[in-house]
Amino acid sequence: MTCTKLEEFDKENPNYQFLADGINDGKIKLLEDECKALIYAPPLDVKFAWGMKAYLETQGYEVYIAGFPGS
């Protein structure tokens, strides 16, 4: 399984800044060696969580959203 490493992400993509902010805020944890990502988002942040899930999946990650059923 291969996925894009953080340093290889397109930094011009607007989603990259949301990703970087999420990592810095502790909302996102990337496990690059396993190509997995965990998103911690409160229920009111559902738009962020699902949008980031879709973005990370395009980069080859298997994404889990903590606290959301079916994620």
Protein backbone atom coordinates (compact mmCIF):
# COMPACT_ATOMS: atom_id res chain seq x y z
CA MET A 1 0.00 0.00 0.00
CA THR A 2 1.36 3.40 -0.90
CA CYS A 3 0.21 6.84 0.04
CA THR A 4 1.50 10.36 -0.31
CA LYS A 5 3.90 11.35 2.45
CA LEU A 6 3.17 14.68 4.12
CA GLU A 7 6.26 16.33 2.65
CA GLU A 8 5.09 15.30 -0.84
CA PHE A 9 1.59 16.83 -0.60
CA ASP A 10 0.76 19.65 -3.01
CA LYS A 11 1.22 22.64 -0.74
CA GLU A 12 -0.65 24.87 -3.21
CA ASN A 13 -3.84 22.82 -2.75
CA PRO A 14 -6.19 24.72 -0.37
CA ASN A 15 -6.91 21.46 1.48
CA TYR A 16 -3.24 21.21 2.43
CA GLN A 17 -3.51 24.21 4.77
CA PHE A 18 -6.57 22.68 6.46
CA LEU A 19 -4.60 19.45 6.84
CA ALA A 20 -1.55 21.22 8.28
CA ASP A 21 -3.74 23.20 10.69
CA GLY A 22 -5.56 20.01 11.71
CA ILE A 23 -2.28 18.24 12.44
CA ASN A 24 -1.01 21.22 14.46
CA ASP A 25 -4.31 21.43 16.39
CA GLY A 26 -4.24 17.71 17.18
CA LYS A 27 -7.38 17.02 15.09
CA ILE A 28 -5.55 14.82 12.59
CA LYS A 29 -2.95 12.11 13.10
CA LEU A 30 -1.23 10.60 10.07
CA LEU A 31 0.33 7.16 10.29
CA GLU A 32 2.31 7.40 7.07
CA ASP A 33 3.98 3.99 7.42
CA GLU A 34 0.55 2.34 7.55
CA CYS A 35 -1.20 4.79 5.17
CA LYS A 36 -3.82 5.48 7.81
CA ALA A 37 -5.22 8.70 9.20
CA LEU A 38 -7.31 9.40 12.27
CA ILE A 39 -9.45 12.51 12.47
CA TYR A 40 -10.65 13.75 15.86
CA ALA A 41 -13.47 16.19 15.28
CA PRO A 42 -16.38 17.25 17.47
CA PRO A 43 -19.88 16.70 16.02
CA LEU A 44 -20.19 20.36 15.07
CA ASP A 45 -17.11 19.97 12.88
CA VAL A 46 -18.67 17.33 10.61
CA LYS A 47 -18.01 19.32 7.41
CA PHE A 48 -14.30 19.50 8.24
CA ALA A 49 -14.15 15.82 9.16
CA TRP A 50 -15.85 14.48 6.03
CA GLY A 51 -14.05 16.92 3.73
CA MET A 52 -10.67 15.99 5.16
CA LYS A 53 -11.56 12.29 4.94
CA ALA A 54 -12.29 12.66 1.23
CA TYR A 55 -9.07 14.62 0.67
CA LEU A 56 -6.88 12.11 2.50
CA GLU A 57 -8.49 9.19 0.66
CA THR A 58 -7.41 10.79 -2.64
CA GLN A 59 -3.86 10.70 -1.26
CA GLY A 60 -4.06 6.95 -0.57
CA TYR A 61 -4.95 6.97 3.13
CA GLU A 62 -7.43 4.75 4.94
CA VAL A 63 -9.25 7.28 7.10
CA TYR A 64 -11.10 6.89 10.39
CA ILE A 65 -13.13 9.62 12.03
CA ALA A 66 -13.31 9.29 15.80
CA GLY A 67 -16.84 9.53 17.14
CA PHE A 68 -18.71 9.28 13.84
CA PRO A 69 -20.56 6.04 13.07
CA GLY A 70 -19.78 4.46 9.73
CA SER A 71 -16.50 6.28 9.18
